[in-house]
Amino acid sequence: MRSRCAISRSGARVSLLFVLCLATASLGSIKANAQQEEPEDPTVNALDEEQDEGGNETTNILSRRGRNQQIDGPIGSHQWVNAGFTSFIDVRERPKQPDQDLLDQGLRLLTTDDFPPFNYRGEEDLPQGYHVELVRALCEELNIACTLKLVAFEEIPTLISDGRADAAIAGIANQQAVQDKLAFTKVYLKRPGRFVRKTGTLLKLDKTGMDAVPVAVRGGSAHEAYLRTYFPKVNRVPVTDMAVARQLLEEGKVQSIFGDAFQLLPLVTDEQDGIAFAGKPYYDAHFFGEGMSIAYGRDRTGIRTLLNYGLLRLAQKGRLAELYASHFAVDIYAED
């Protein structure tokens, strides 16, 4: 994890308003007096740029309005429902219905532009990443109007506690430093620690099998502390970043790298590197955090119900599995 004063990233700026113009609808069906005709221009995802009152660039992404979908209908059979995705949400749970007034009001969400591959600026300076698509899917599932605004990471707790936003999806760690202002939804992804190795080599990943084995790890990190605790006899080789760790692995000066699975993912997905995950993922809330969830104002239980409802429905319908597979080429949760 990366400490940022009183707020830190889960696992580990510049304002722009990114609007998902989705239909505001009642849960289960659209109110008759809220239905609107399709625009004459049938283009979906048309782009329109403007500026907000503060002079910040605003990008509107227009989706079809008045989608007549049954939110509470039966879960459709879909290949992703049974895709084998490691879900951290119990899909057997019976969802609690959100408050209709909150659905009518929509959601004001925050994120940042400095946390790839989850949220960052992509082509044409537009926000992209897993979290952006998760927000889109969540708001489509709830069938409500949502805004997603890019802000500085450190500003998020104050913006939410002051009522200027409803929630944030930016990898904020559920730590004591923010719990006076923020609470958190169900975990939708966890960030385990993992070992990687050069393909064609073997590692005996048990406490004695790793004795004296040189392993690169970011110095002073939670992952180094984890190795010190659970693999006390491993030969830890502290590094400043993953580029140095990769070079040491390629030169044969270390036999493995240990770190955050998502941060190791670029090494594993680059076929030229010949690097693969080794063994199993290691979960530990003390060292690696509870996982990734959406932050909201700690006293806003209605927002919690709404967000958890949406996440649960996405999990039940296989949409979380689909989003995960579309954004990450290698499954970080699969055992070697």
C-alpha atoms as a PDB file:
ATOM      1  CA  MET A   1       0.000   0.000   0.000  1.00  0.00           C
ATOM      2  CA  ARG A   2       1.044   3.583  -0.606  1.00  0.00           C
ATOM      3  CA  SER A   3       0.550   6.116   2.155  1.00  0.00           C
ATOM      4  CA  ARG A   4      -0.812   9.525   1.206  1.00  0.00           C
ATOM      5  CA  CYS A   5      -1.065  11.559   4.431  1.00  0.00           C
ATOM      6  CA  ALA A   6      -4.365  10.440   5.978  1.00  0.00           C
ATOM      7  CA  ILE A   7      -5.528   8.477   2.981  1.00  0.00           C
ATOM      8  CA  SER A   8      -3.943   5.610   1.089  1.00  0.00           C
ATOM      9  CA  ARG A   9      -4.619   3.339  -1.845  1.00  0.00           C
ATOM     10  CA  SER A  10      -5.910  -0.165  -1.470  1.00  0.00           C
ATOM     11  CA  GLY A  11      -3.051  -2.502  -2.339  1.00  0.00           C
ATOM     12  CA  ALA A  12      -0.812   0.598  -3.566  1.00  0.00           C
ATOM     13  CA  ARG A  13      -4.976  14.545 -10.351  1.00  0.00           C
ATOM     14  CA  VAL A  14      -6.658  17.720 -12.040  1.00  0.00           C
ATOM     15  CA  SER A  15     -10.428  17.875 -12.244  1.00  0.00           C
ATOM     16  CA  LEU A  16     -12.496  16.700 -15.176  1.00  0.00           C
ATOM     17  CA  LEU A  17     -16.177  15.852 -15.228  1.00  0.00           C
ATOM     18  CA  PHE A  18     -17.082  12.622 -16.974  1.00  0.00           C
ATOM     19  CA  VAL A  19     -20.826  12.155 -17.261  1.00  0.00           C
ATOM     20  CA  LEU A  20     -22.642   8.925 -17.941  1.00  0.00           C
ATOM     21  CA  CYS A  21     -26.056  10.116 -19.102  1.00  0.00           C
ATOM     22  CA  LEU A  22     -28.180   7.098 -18.273  1.00  0.00           C
ATOM     23  CA  ALA A  23     -31.897   6.874 -17.753  1.00  0.00           C
ATOM     24  CA  THR A  24     -33.318   7.541 -14.307  1.00  0.00           C
ATOM     25  CA  ALA A  25     -35.859   4.806 -13.697  1.00  0.00           C
ATOM     26  CA  SER A  26     -37.803   3.135 -10.936  1.00  0.00           C
ATOM     27  CA  LEU A  27     -36.510  -0.179  -9.688  1.00  0.00           C
ATOM     28  CA  GLY A  28     -37.930  -2.987 -11.801  1.00  0.00           C
ATOM     29  CA  SER A  29     -39.626  -0.799 -14.406  1.00  0.00           C
ATOM     30  CA  ILE A  30     -39.623   2.751 -15.709  1.00  0.00           C
ATOM     31  CA  LYS A  31     -42.289   5.053 -14.397  1.00  0.00           C
ATOM     32  CA  ALA A  32     -44.760   6.007 -17.087  1.00  0.00           C
ATOM     33  CA  ASN A  33     -44.266   9.717 -16.461  1.00  0.00           C
ATOM     34  CA  ALA A  34     -40.485   9.335 -16.622  1.00  0.00           C
ATOM     35  CA  GLN A  35     -40.341   7.619 -19.986  1.00  0.00           C
ATOM     36  CA  GLN A  36     -38.707   9.591 -22.774  1.00  0.00           C
ATOM     37  CA  GLU A  37     -38.606   9.065 -26.506  1.00  0.00           C
ATOM     38  CA  GLU A  38     -35.412   7.982 -28.202  1.00  0.00           C
ATOM     39  CA  PRO A  39     -33.474  10.939 -29.630  1.00  0.00           C
ATOM     40  CA  GLU A  40     -33.714  11.407 -33.373  1.00  0.00           C
ATOM     41  CA  ASP A  41     -30.006  10.680 -33.665  1.00  0.00           C
ATOM     42  CA  PRO A  42     -29.725   6.960 -32.802  1.00  0.00           C
ATOM     43  CA  THR A  43     -25.961   7.141 -32.192  1.00  0.00           C
ATOM     44  CA  VAL A  44     -24.947   5.409 -28.994  1.00  0.00           C
ATOM     45  CA  ASN A  45     -21.938   6.661 -27.015  1.00  0.00           C
ATOM     46  CA  ALA A  46     -21.757   9.925 -28.934  1.00  0.00           C
ATOM     47  CA  LEU A  47     -19.218  12.365 -27.486  1.00  0.00           C
ATOM     48  CA  ASP A  48     -19.825  16.003 -26.647  1.00  0.00           C
ATOM     49  CA  GLU A  49     -17.241  18.212 -24.951  1.00  0.00           C
ATOM     50  CA  GLU A  50     -17.939  21.357 -22.963  1.00  0.00           C
ATOM     51  CA  GLN A  51     -16.679  23.120 -19.844  1.00  0.00           C
ATOM     52  CA  ASP A  52     -18.113  23.231 -16.375  1.00  0.00           C
ATOM     53  CA  GLU A  53     -18.427  26.411 -14.302  1.00  0.00           C
ATOM     54  CA  GLY A  54     -14.852  26.084 -13.101  1.00  0.00           C
ATOM     55  CA  GLY A  55     -13.504  25.939 -16.631  1.00  0.00           C
ATOM     56  CA  ASN A  56     -12.747  22.228 -16.441  1.00  0.00           C
ATOM     57  CA  GLU A  57     -13.244  20.180 -19.573  1.00  0.00           C
ATOM     58  CA  THR A  58     -16.436  18.176 -19.493  1.00  0.00           C
ATOM     59  CA  THR A  59     -17.054  15.074 -21.566  1.00  0.00           C
ATOM     60  CA  ASN A  60     -20.590  13.795 -21.958  1.00  0.00           C
ATOM     61  CA  ILE A  61     -21.063  10.187 -22.994  1.00  0.00           C
ATOM     62  CA  LEU A  62     -24.618   9.751 -24.207  1.00  0.00           C
ATOM     63  CA  SER A  63     -26.327   6.404 -23.807  1.00  0.00           C
ATOM     64  CA  ARG A  64     -29.838   5.488 -24.924  1.00  0.00           C
ATOM     65  CA  ARG A  65     -32.467   6.701 -22.492  1.00  0.00           C
ATOM     66  CA  GLY A  66     -35.595   4.865 -21.443  1.00  0.00           C
ATOM     67  CA  ARG A  67     -34.152   1.347 -21.457  1.00  0.00           C
ATOM     68  CA  ASN A  68     -37.168  -0.769 -20.533  1.00  0.00           C
ATOM     69  CA  GLN A  69     -35.396  -3.461 -18.555  1.00  0.00           C
ATOM     70  CA  GLN A  70     -36.616  -5.452 -15.581  1.00  0.00           C
ATOM     71  CA  ILE A  71     -33.985  -4.935 -12.901  1.00  0.00           C
ATOM     72  CA  ASP A  72     -35.577  -7.481 -10.595  1.00  0.00           C
ATOM     73  CA  GLY A  73     -36.207 -10.101 -13.234  1.00  0.00           C
ATOM     74  CA  PRO A  74     -34.677 -13.569 -13.108  1.00  0.00           C
ATOM     75  CA  ILE A  75     -30.940 -13.841 -13.562  1.00  0.00           C
ATOM     76  CA  GLY A  76     -30.344 -14.675 -17.190  1.00  0.00           C
ATOM     77  CA  SER A  77     -28.196 -17.659 -18.096  1.00  0.00           C
ATOM     78  CA  HIS A  78     -24.974 -16.284 -19.482  1.00  0.00           C
ATOM     79  CA  GLN A  79     -21.568 -17.791 -20.108  1.00  0.00           C
ATOM     80  CA  TRP A  80     -20.016 -15.463 -17.551  1.00  0.00           C
ATOM     81  CA  VAL A  81     -22.251 -16.642 -14.715  1.00  0.00           C
ATOM     82  CA  ASN A  82     -20.348 -19.940 -14.728  1.00  0.00           C
ATOM     83  CA  ALA A  83     -17.007 -18.625 -15.950  1.00  0.00           C
ATOM     84  CA  GLY A  84     -15.049 -19.685 -12.864  1.00  0.00           C
ATOM     85  CA  PHE A  85     -14.301 -16.116 -11.779  1.00  0.00           C
ATOM     86  CA  THR A  86     -13.100 -15.889  -8.177  1.00  0.00           C
ATOM     87  CA  SER A  87     -15.995 -13.816  -6.843  1.00  0.00           C
ATOM     88  CA  PHE A  88     -15.641 -12.103  -3.488  1.00  0.00           C
ATOM     89  CA  ILE A  89     -19.363 -11.352  -3.338  1.00  0.00           C
ATOM     90  CA  ASP A  90     -21.708 -14.084  -2.143  1.00  0.00           C
ATOM     91  CA  VAL A  91     -24.099 -14.398  -5.080  1.00  0.00           C
ATOM     92  CA  ARG A  92     -26.480 -16.482  -2.948  1.00  0.00           C
ATOM     93  CA  GLU A  93     -27.312 -13.418  -0.861  1.00  0.00           C
ATOM     94  CA  ARG A  94     -30.792 -11.951  -1.191  1.00  0.00           C
ATOM     95  CA  PRO A  95     -30.367  -8.267  -2.123  1.00  0.00           C
ATOM     96  CA  LYS A  96     -31.911  -5.513  -0.020  1.00  0.00           C
ATOM     97  CA  GLN A  97     -33.947  -3.115  -2.115  1.00  0.00           C
ATOM     98  CA  PRO A  98     -32.522   0.405  -2.542  1.00  0.00           C
ATOM     99  CA  ASP A  99     -34.548   3.470  -1.635  1.00  0.00           C
ATOM    100  CA  GLN A 100     -36.526   4.766  -4.616  1.00  0.00           C
ATOM    101  CA  ASP A 101     -35.727   8.406  -3.794  1.00  0.00           C
ATOM    102  CA  LEU A 102     -32.007   7.676  -4.068  1.00  0.00           C
ATOM    103  CA  LEU A 103     -32.538   5.955  -7.398  1.00  0.00           C
ATOM    104  CA  ASP A 104     -34.375   9.030  -8.644  1.00  0.00           C
ATOM    105  CA  GLN A 105     -31.569  11.322  -7.480  1.00  0.00           C
ATOM    106  CA  GLY A 106     -28.809   9.357  -9.231  1.00  0.00           C
ATOM    107  CA  LEU A 107     -25.184   9.050  -8.138  1.00  0.00           C
ATOM    108  CA  ARG A 108     -22.265  11.491  -8.040  1.00  0.00           C
ATOM    109  CA  LEU A 109     -19.070   9.444  -8.051  1.00  0.00           C
ATOM    110  CA  LEU A 110     -15.390  10.381  -7.822  1.00  0.00           C
ATOM    111  CA  THR A 111     -12.220   8.764  -9.105  1.00  0.00           C
ATOM    112  CA  THR A 112      -8.663   9.786 -10.015  1.00  0.00           C
ATOM    113  CA  ASP A 113      -6.540   9.700 -13.151  1.00  0.00           C
ATOM    114  CA  ASP A 114      -3.385   8.158 -11.675  1.00  0.00           C
ATOM    115  CA  PHE A 115      -4.219   4.545 -10.850  1.00  0.00           C
ATOM    116  CA  PRO A 116      -3.819   2.361 -13.950  1.00  0.00           C
ATOM    117  CA  PRO A 117      -5.184  -0.064 -14.956  1.00  0.00           C
ATOM    118  CA  PHE A 118      -8.160   0.849 -12.781  1.00  0.00           C
ATOM    119  CA  ASN A 119      -8.592   4.568 -13.493  1.00  0.00           C
ATOM    120  CA  TYR A 120      -6.451   6.762 -15.714  1.00  0.00           C
ATOM    121  CA  ARG A 121      -6.541   9.114 -18.699  1.00  0.00           C
ATOM    122  CA  GLY A 122      -6.567   7.312 -22.006  1.00  0.00           C
ATOM    123  CA  GLU A 123      -6.997   8.346 -25.621  1.00  0.00           C
ATOM    124  CA  GLU A 124      -8.270  11.893 -26.167  1.00  0.00           C
ATOM    125  CA  ASP A 125      -7.632  12.514 -22.453  1.00  0.00           C
ATOM    126  CA  LEU A 126     -10.787  10.603 -21.490  1.00  0.00           C
ATOM    127  CA  PRO A 127     -10.996   8.589 -18.261  1.00  0.00           C
ATOM    128  CA  GLN A 128     -10.548   4.881 -18.837  1.00  0.00           C
ATOM    129  CA  GLY A 129      -9.936   1.671 -16.939  1.00  0.00           C
ATOM    130  CA  TYR A 130     -11.641  -1.060 -14.989  1.00  0.00           C
ATOM    131  CA  HIS A 131     -13.272   1.338 -12.522  1.00  0.00           C
ATOM    132  CA  VAL A 132     -14.717   3.515 -15.290  1.00  0.00           C
ATOM    133  CA  GLU A 133     -16.358   0.484 -16.888  1.00  0.00           C
ATOM    134  CA  LEU A 134     -17.514  -0.791 -13.495  1.00  0.00           C
ATOM    135  CA  VAL A 135     -19.261   2.536 -12.864  1.00  0.00           C
ATOM    136  CA  ARG A 136     -20.888   2.332 -16.293  1.00  0.00           C
ATOM    137  CA  ALA A 137     -22.099  -1.227 -15.638  1.00  0.00           C
ATOM    138  CA  LEU A 138     -23.310  -0.341 -12.131  1.00  0.00           C
ATOM    139  CA  CYS A 139     -25.327   2.640 -13.302  1.00  0.00           C
ATOM    140  CA  GLU A 140     -26.763   0.701 -16.225  1.00  0.00           C
ATOM    141  CA  GLU A 141     -27.787  -2.107 -13.889  1.00  0.00           C
ATOM    142  CA  LEU A 142     -29.505   0.356 -11.537  1.00  0.00           C
ATOM    143  CA  ASN A 143     -30.751   2.335 -14.556  1.00  0.00           C
ATOM    144  CA  ILE A 144     -29.943   5.679 -12.964  1.00  0.00           C
ATOM    145  CA  ALA A 145     -28.167   8.891 -13.933  1.00  0.00           C
ATOM    146  CA  CYS A 146     -24.536   8.992 -12.795  1.00  0.00           C
ATOM    147  CA  THR A 147     -21.631  11.422 -12.928  1.00  0.00           C
ATOM    148  CA  LEU A 148     -17.999  10.367 -12.548  1.00  0.00           C
ATOM    149  CA  LYS A 149     -15.586  13.195 -11.750  1.00  0.00           C
ATOM    150  CA  LEU A 150     -11.786  13.063 -11.737  1.00  0.00           C
ATOM    151  CA  VAL A 151     -10.328  14.746  -8.656  1.00  0.00           C
ATOM    152  CA  ALA A 152      -7.161  14.722  -6.564  1.00  0.00           C
ATOM    153  CA  PHE A 153      -6.891  11.556  -4.487  1.00  0.00           C
ATOM    154  CA  GLU A 154      -6.390  13.468  -1.217  1.00  0.00           C
ATOM    155  CA  GLU A 155      -9.580  15.489  -1.714  1.00  0.00           C
ATOM    156  CA  ILE A 156     -11.941  12.529  -1.831  1.00  0.00           C
ATOM    157  CA  PRO A 157     -12.813  12.106   1.894  1.00  0.00           C
ATOM    158  CA  THR A 158     -13.604  15.801   2.311  1.00  0.00           C
ATOM    159  CA  LEU A 159     -15.659  16.013  -0.882  1.00  0.00           C
ATOM    160  CA  ILE A 160     -17.789  13.068   0.253  1.00  0.00           C
ATOM    161  CA  SER A 161     -18.147  14.155   3.890  1.00  0.00           C
ATOM    162  CA  ASP A 162     -19.131  17.673   2.777  1.00  0.00           C
ATOM    163  CA  GLY A 163     -21.895  16.222   0.613  1.00  0.00           C
ATOM    164  CA  ARG A 164     -20.358  17.282  -2.713  1.00  0.00           C
ATOM    165  CA  ALA A 165     -20.216  13.660  -3.884  1.00  0.00           C
ATOM    166  CA  ASP A 166     -21.947  10.413  -2.974  1.00  0.00           C
ATOM    167  CA  ALA A 167     -19.163   7.854  -3.385  1.00  0.00           C
ATOM    168  CA  ALA A 168     -15.671   7.229  -4.750  1.00  0.00           C
ATOM    169  CA  ILE A 169     -14.205   4.340  -6.702  1.00  0.00           C
ATOM    170  CA  ALA A 170     -10.468   4.968  -6.586  1.00  0.00           C
ATOM    171  CA  GLY A 171      -8.839   2.157  -4.624  1.00  0.00           C
ATOM    172  CA  ILE A 172      -9.074   3.883  -1.233  1.00  0.00           C
ATOM    173  CA  ALA A 173      -7.904   1.590   1.552  1.00  0.00           C
ATOM    174  CA  ASN A 174     -10.351   0.867   4.362  1.00  0.00           C
ATOM    175  CA  GLN A 175      -8.105   2.172   7.119  1.00  0.00           C
ATOM    176  CA  GLN A 176      -8.667   3.873  10.449  1.00  0.00           C
ATOM    177  CA  ALA A 177      -7.388   7.195   9.072  1.00  0.00           C
ATOM    178  CA  VAL A 178     -10.484   7.643   6.878  1.00  0.00           C
ATOM    179  CA  GLN A 179     -13.120   5.772   8.862  1.00  0.00           C
ATOM    180  CA  ASP A 180     -14.353   8.949  10.573  1.00  0.00           C
ATOM    181  CA  LYS A 181     -15.580  10.144   7.161  1.00  0.00           C
ATOM    182  CA  LEU A 182     -15.902   7.077   4.947  1.00  0.00           C
ATOM    183  CA  ALA A 183     -17.418   3.614   4.974  1.00  0.00           C
ATOM    184  CA  PHE A 184     -17.071   0.920   2.321  1.00  0.00           C
ATOM    185  CA  THR A 185     -19.193  -1.417   0.244  1.00  0.00           C
ATOM    186  CA  LYS A 186     -18.750  -5.088  -0.441  1.00  0.00           C
ATOM    187  CA  VAL A 187     -15.314  -5.995  -1.796  1.00  0.00           C
ATOM    188  CA  TYR A 188     -15.420  -6.586  -5.554  1.00  0.00           C
ATOM    189  CA  LEU A 189     -11.710  -7.395  -6.033  1.00  0.00           C
ATOM    190  CA  LYS A 190      -8.888  -8.396  -3.718  1.00  0.00           C
ATOM    191  CA  ARG A 191      -5.201  -7.639  -4.217  1.00  0.00           C
ATOM    192  CA  PRO A 192      -3.258 -10.687  -3.062  1.00  0.00           C
ATOM    193  CA  GLY A 193       0.490 -10.988  -2.872  1.00  0.00           C
ATOM    194  CA  ARG A 194       2.088 -13.313  -5.409  1.00  0.00           C
ATOM    195  CA  PHE A 195       5.428 -14.741  -6.439  1.00  0.00           C
ATOM    196  CA  VAL A 196       6.541 -14.709 -10.066  1.00  0.00           C
ATOM    197  CA  ARG A 197       9.306 -16.749 -11.693  1.00  0.00           C
ATOM    198  CA  LYS A 198      10.958 -17.161 -15.069  1.00  0.00           C
ATOM    199  CA  THR A 199       9.088 -19.676 -17.181  1.00  0.00           C
ATOM    200  CA  GLY A 200      10.891 -23.005 -17.216  1.00  0.00           C
ATOM    201  CA  THR A 201      12.063 -22.646 -13.621  1.00  0.00           C
ATOM    202  CA  LEU A 202      10.493 -24.100 -10.485  1.00  0.00           C
ATOM    203  CA  LEU A 203       9.964 -22.720  -7.016  1.00  0.00           C
ATOM    204  CA  LYS A 204       9.132 -24.802  -3.971  1.00  0.00           C
ATOM    205  CA  LEU A 205       6.790 -22.362  -2.323  1.00  0.00           C
ATOM    206  CA  ASP A 206       6.732 -23.454   1.278  1.00  0.00           C
ATOM    207  CA  LYS A 207       8.468 -21.946   4.270  1.00  0.00           C
ATOM    208  CA  THR A 208      11.449 -24.258   4.144  1.00  0.00           C
ATOM    209  CA  GLY A 209      11.582 -24.600   0.365  1.00  0.00           C
ATOM    210  CA  MET A 210      12.219 -20.880   0.052  1.00  0.00           C
ATOM    211  CA  ASP A 211      15.066 -20.811   2.583  1.00  0.00           C
ATOM    212  CA  ALA A 212      17.939 -18.698   1.224  1.00  0.00           C
ATOM    213  CA  VAL A 213      16.183 -18.234  -2.138  1.00  0.00           C
ATOM    214  CA  PRO A 214      16.839 -14.680  -3.402  1.00  0.00           C
ATOM    215  CA  VAL A 215      13.532 -12.858  -3.921  1.00  0.00           C
ATOM    216  CA  ALA A 216      13.213  -9.269  -5.094  1.00  0.00           C
ATOM    217  CA  VAL A 217      10.621  -7.225  -3.203  1.00  0.00           C
ATOM    218  CA  ARG A 218       9.919  -3.532  -2.909  1.00  0.00           C
ATOM    219  CA  GLY A 219      11.888  -2.297   0.084  1.00  0.00           C
ATOM    220  CA  GLY A 220       9.881  -1.083   3.054  1.00  0.00           C
ATOM    221  CA  SER A 221       6.589  -2.349   1.597  1.00  0.00           C
ATOM    222  CA  ALA A 222       3.858  -4.435   3.139  1.00  0.00           C
ATOM    223  CA  HIS A 223       5.019  -7.261   0.890  1.00  0.00           C
ATOM    224  CA  GLU A 224       8.499  -7.173   2.363  1.00  0.00           C
ATOM    225  CA  ALA A 225       6.948  -7.258   5.830  1.00  0.00           C
ATOM    226  CA  TYR A 226       4.833 -10.243   4.783  1.00  0.00           C
ATOM    227  CA  LEU A 227       7.918 -12.131   3.613  1.00  0.00           C
ATOM    228  CA  ARG A 228       9.696 -11.300   6.849  1.00  0.00           C
ATOM    229  CA  THR A 229       6.760 -12.718   8.811  1.00  0.00           C
ATOM    230  CA  TYR A 230       5.829 -15.831   6.829  1.00  0.00           C
ATOM    231  CA  PHE A 231       9.013 -16.608   4.903  1.00  0.00           C
ATOM    232  CA  PRO A 232      11.598 -15.487   7.474  1.00  0.00           C
ATOM    233  CA  LYS A 233      14.544 -17.311   5.911  1.00  0.00           C
ATOM    234  CA  VAL A 234      14.019 -16.145   2.348  1.00  0.00           C
ATOM    235  CA  ASN A 235      16.850 -13.995   1.014  1.00  0.00           C
ATOM    236  CA  ARG A 236      14.980 -10.719   0.574  1.00  0.00           C
ATOM    237  CA  VAL A 237      16.502  -8.404  -2.043  1.00  0.00           C
ATOM    238  CA  PRO A 238      14.939  -4.937  -1.577  1.00  0.00           C
ATOM    239  CA  VAL A 239      14.333  -2.912  -4.754  1.00  0.00           C
ATOM    240  CA  THR A 240      12.929   0.517  -5.470  1.00  0.00           C
ATOM    241  CA  ASP A 241      10.547  -0.503  -8.262  1.00  0.00           C
ATOM    242  CA  MET A 242       9.407  -3.375 -10.449  1.00  0.00           C
ATOM    243  CA  ALA A 243      11.698  -2.403 -13.319  1.00  0.00           C
ATOM    244  CA  VAL A 244      14.728  -3.093 -11.126  1.00  0.00           C
ATOM    245  CA  ALA A 245      13.165  -6.332  -9.877  1.00  0.00           C
ATOM    246  CA  ARG A 246      12.539  -7.519 -13.442  1.00  0.00           C
ATOM    247  CA  GLN A 247      16.112  -6.771 -14.442  1.00  0.00           C
ATOM    248  CA  LEU A 248      17.437  -8.764 -11.480  1.00  0.00           C
ATOM    249  CA  LEU A 249      15.195 -11.688 -12.421  1.00  0.00           C
ATOM    250  CA  GLU A 250      16.295 -11.586 -16.056  1.00  0.00           C
ATOM    251  CA  GLU A 251      19.953 -11.485 -15.025  1.00  0.00           C
ATOM    252  CA  GLY A 252      19.484 -14.463 -12.704  1.00  0.00           C
ATOM    253  CA  LYS A 253      20.422 -12.476  -9.608  1.00  0.00           C
ATOM    254  CA  VAL A 254      17.097 -13.374  -8.000  1.00  0.00           C
ATOM    255  CA  GLN A 255      14.898 -16.420  -8.555  1.00  0.00           C
ATOM    256  CA  SER A 256      11.592 -14.696  -7.924  1.00  0.00           C
ATOM    257  CA  ILE A 257       9.791 -11.423  -7.338  1.00  0.00           C
ATOM    258  CA  PHE A 258       7.130 -11.017  -4.658  1.00  0.00           C
ATOM    259  CA  GLY A 259       4.592  -8.212  -4.748  1.00  0.00           C
ATOM    260  CA  ASP A 260       1.076  -7.052  -5.418  1.00  0.00           C
ATOM    261  CA  ALA A 261      -0.490  -9.337  -8.025  1.00  0.00           C
ATOM    262  CA  PHE A 262      -1.906  -6.477 -10.081  1.00  0.00           C
ATOM    263  CA  GLN A 263       1.423  -4.644 -10.072  1.00  0.00           C
ATOM    264  CA  LEU A 264       3.130  -7.832 -11.259  1.00  0.00           C
ATOM    265  CA  LEU A 265       0.563  -8.372 -13.995  1.00  0.00           C
ATOM    266  CA  PRO A 266       2.404  -6.325 -16.689  1.00  0.00           C
ATOM    267  CA  LEU A 267       5.439  -8.585 -16.259  1.00  0.00           C
ATOM    268  CA  VAL A 268       3.329 -11.721 -16.631  1.00  0.00           C
ATOM    269  CA  THR A 269       1.362 -10.514 -19.647  1.00  0.00           C
ATOM    270  CA  ASP A 270       4.461  -9.483 -21.602  1.00  0.00           C
ATOM    271  CA  GLU A 271       5.305 -12.691 -23.490  1.00  0.00           C
ATOM    272  CA  GLN A 272       8.811 -11.468 -24.302  1.00  0.00           C
ATOM    273  CA  ASP A 273       9.694 -11.388 -20.615  1.00  0.00           C
ATOM    274  CA  GLY A 274       8.938 -15.087 -20.099  1.00  0.00           C
ATOM    275  CA  ILE A 275       7.645 -14.475 -16.571  1.00  0.00           C
ATOM    276  CA  ALA A 276       4.777 -16.370 -14.931  1.00  0.00           C
ATOM    277  CA  PHE A 277       2.958 -16.440 -11.630  1.00  0.00           C
ATOM    278  CA  ALA A 278       4.192 -19.124  -9.252  1.00  0.00           C
ATOM    279  CA  GLY A 279       2.151 -21.000  -6.678  1.00  0.00           C
ATOM    280  CA  LYS A 280      -0.993 -19.531  -5.207  1.00  0.00           C
ATOM    281  CA  PRO A 281      -2.237 -16.040  -4.315  1.00  0.00           C
ATOM    282  CA  TYR A 282      -1.654 -14.974  -0.700  1.00  0.00           C
ATOM    283  CA  TYR A 283      -4.501 -13.123   1.011  1.00  0.00           C
ATOM    284  CA  ASP A 284      -3.891 -11.211   4.212  1.00  0.00           C
ATOM    285  CA  ALA A 285      -6.040  -8.273   5.291  1.00  0.00           C
ATOM    286  CA  HIS A 286      -3.435  -7.079   7.790  1.00  0.00           C
ATOM    287  CA  PHE A 287      -0.693  -6.705   5.180  1.00  0.00           C
ATOM    288  CA  PHE A 288      -2.588  -6.254   1.910  1.00  0.00           C
ATOM    289  CA  GLY A 289      -5.868  -4.702   3.024  1.00  0.00           C
ATOM    290  CA  GLU A 290      -9.454  -5.915   2.891  1.00  0.00           C
ATOM    291  CA  GLY A 291      -9.690  -5.484  -0.862  1.00  0.00           C
ATOM    292  CA  MET A 292     -11.133  -3.015  -3.343  1.00  0.00           C
ATOM    293  CA  SER A 293     -14.521  -1.500  -2.633  1.00  0.00           C
ATOM    294  CA  ILE A 294     -16.476   1.706  -3.173  1.00  0.00           C
ATOM    295  CA  ALA A 295     -16.164   4.399  -0.505  1.00  0.00           C
ATOM    296  CA  TYR A 296     -19.178   6.461   0.592  1.00  0.00           C
ATOM    297  CA  GLY A 297     -20.130   8.786   3.453  1.00  0.00           C
ATOM    298  CA  ARG A 298     -20.140   6.731   6.634  1.00  0.00           C
ATOM    299  CA  ASP A 299     -23.601   7.940   7.732  1.00  0.00           C
ATOM    300  CA  ARG A 300     -25.270   7.352   4.355  1.00  0.00           C
ATOM    301  CA  THR A 301     -26.629   3.857   4.818  1.00  0.00           C
ATOM    302  CA  GLY A 302     -29.031   4.320   1.911  1.00  0.00           C
ATOM    303  CA  ILE A 303     -26.104   4.816  -0.478  1.00  0.00           C
ATOM    304  CA  ARG A 304     -24.498   1.669   0.939  1.00  0.00           C
ATOM    305  CA  THR A 305     -27.646  -0.332   0.228  1.00  0.00           C
ATOM    306  CA  LEU A 306     -27.883   1.038  -3.308  1.00  0.00           C
ATOM    307  CA  LEU A 307     -24.233   0.356  -4.157  1.00  0.00           C
ATOM    308  CA  ASN A 308     -24.196  -3.104  -2.594  1.00  0.00           C
ATOM    309  CA  TYR A 309     -27.404  -3.960  -4.428  1.00  0.00           C
ATOM    310  CA  GLY A 310     -25.838  -2.979  -7.731  1.00  0.00           C
ATOM    311  CA  LEU A 311     -22.607  -4.872  -7.069  1.00  0.00           C
ATOM    312  CA  LEU A 312     -24.519  -7.988  -6.020  1.00  0.00           C
ATOM    313  CA  ARG A 313     -26.663  -7.929  -9.144  1.00  0.00           C
ATOM    314  CA  LEU A 314     -23.571  -7.513 -11.343  1.00  0.00           C
ATOM    315  CA  ALA A 315     -21.971 -10.492  -9.611  1.00  0.00           C
ATOM    316  CA  GLN A 316     -25.105 -12.619  -9.956  1.00  0.00           C
ATOM    317  CA  LYS A 317     -25.427 -11.863 -13.653  1.00  0.00           C
ATOM    318  CA  GLY A 318     -21.778 -12.556 -14.410  1.00  0.00           C
ATOM    319  CA  ARG A 319     -20.992  -8.941 -15.313  1.00  0.00           C
ATOM    320  CA  LEU A 320     -18.175  -8.677 -12.749  1.00  0.00           C
ATOM    321  CA  ALA A 321     -16.581 -11.779 -14.230  1.00  0.00           C
ATOM    322  CA  GLU A 322     -16.955 -10.341 -17.721  1.00  0.00           C
ATOM    323  CA  LEU A 323     -15.403  -6.996 -16.721  1.00  0.00           C
ATOM    324  CA  TYR A 324     -12.499  -8.745 -15.014  1.00  0.00           C
ATOM    325  CA  ALA A 325     -11.778 -10.957 -18.012  1.00  0.00           C
ATOM    326  CA  SER A 326     -11.991  -8.047 -20.451  1.00  0.00           C
ATOM    327  CA  HIS A 327      -9.487  -5.913 -18.532  1.00  0.00           C
ATOM    328  CA  PHE A 328      -6.923  -8.422 -17.288  1.00  0.00           C
ATOM    329  CA  ALA A 329      -5.326 -10.856 -19.721  1.00  0.00           C
ATOM    330  CA  VAL A 330      -4.088 -13.209 -16.989  1.00  0.00           C
ATOM    331  CA  ASP A 331      -6.121 -14.401 -14.002  1.00  0.00           C
ATOM    332  CA  ILE A 332      -4.215 -13.241 -10.922  1.00  0.00           C
ATOM    333  CA  TYR A 333      -6.305 -15.535  -8.698  1.00  0.00           C
ATOM    334  CA  ALA A 334      -5.514 -18.785 -10.513  1.00  0.00           C
ATOM    335  CA  GLU A 335      -3.002 -21.112  -8.881  1.00  0.00           C
ATOM    336  CA  ASP A 336       0.073 -22.141 -10.866  1.00  0.00           C
END
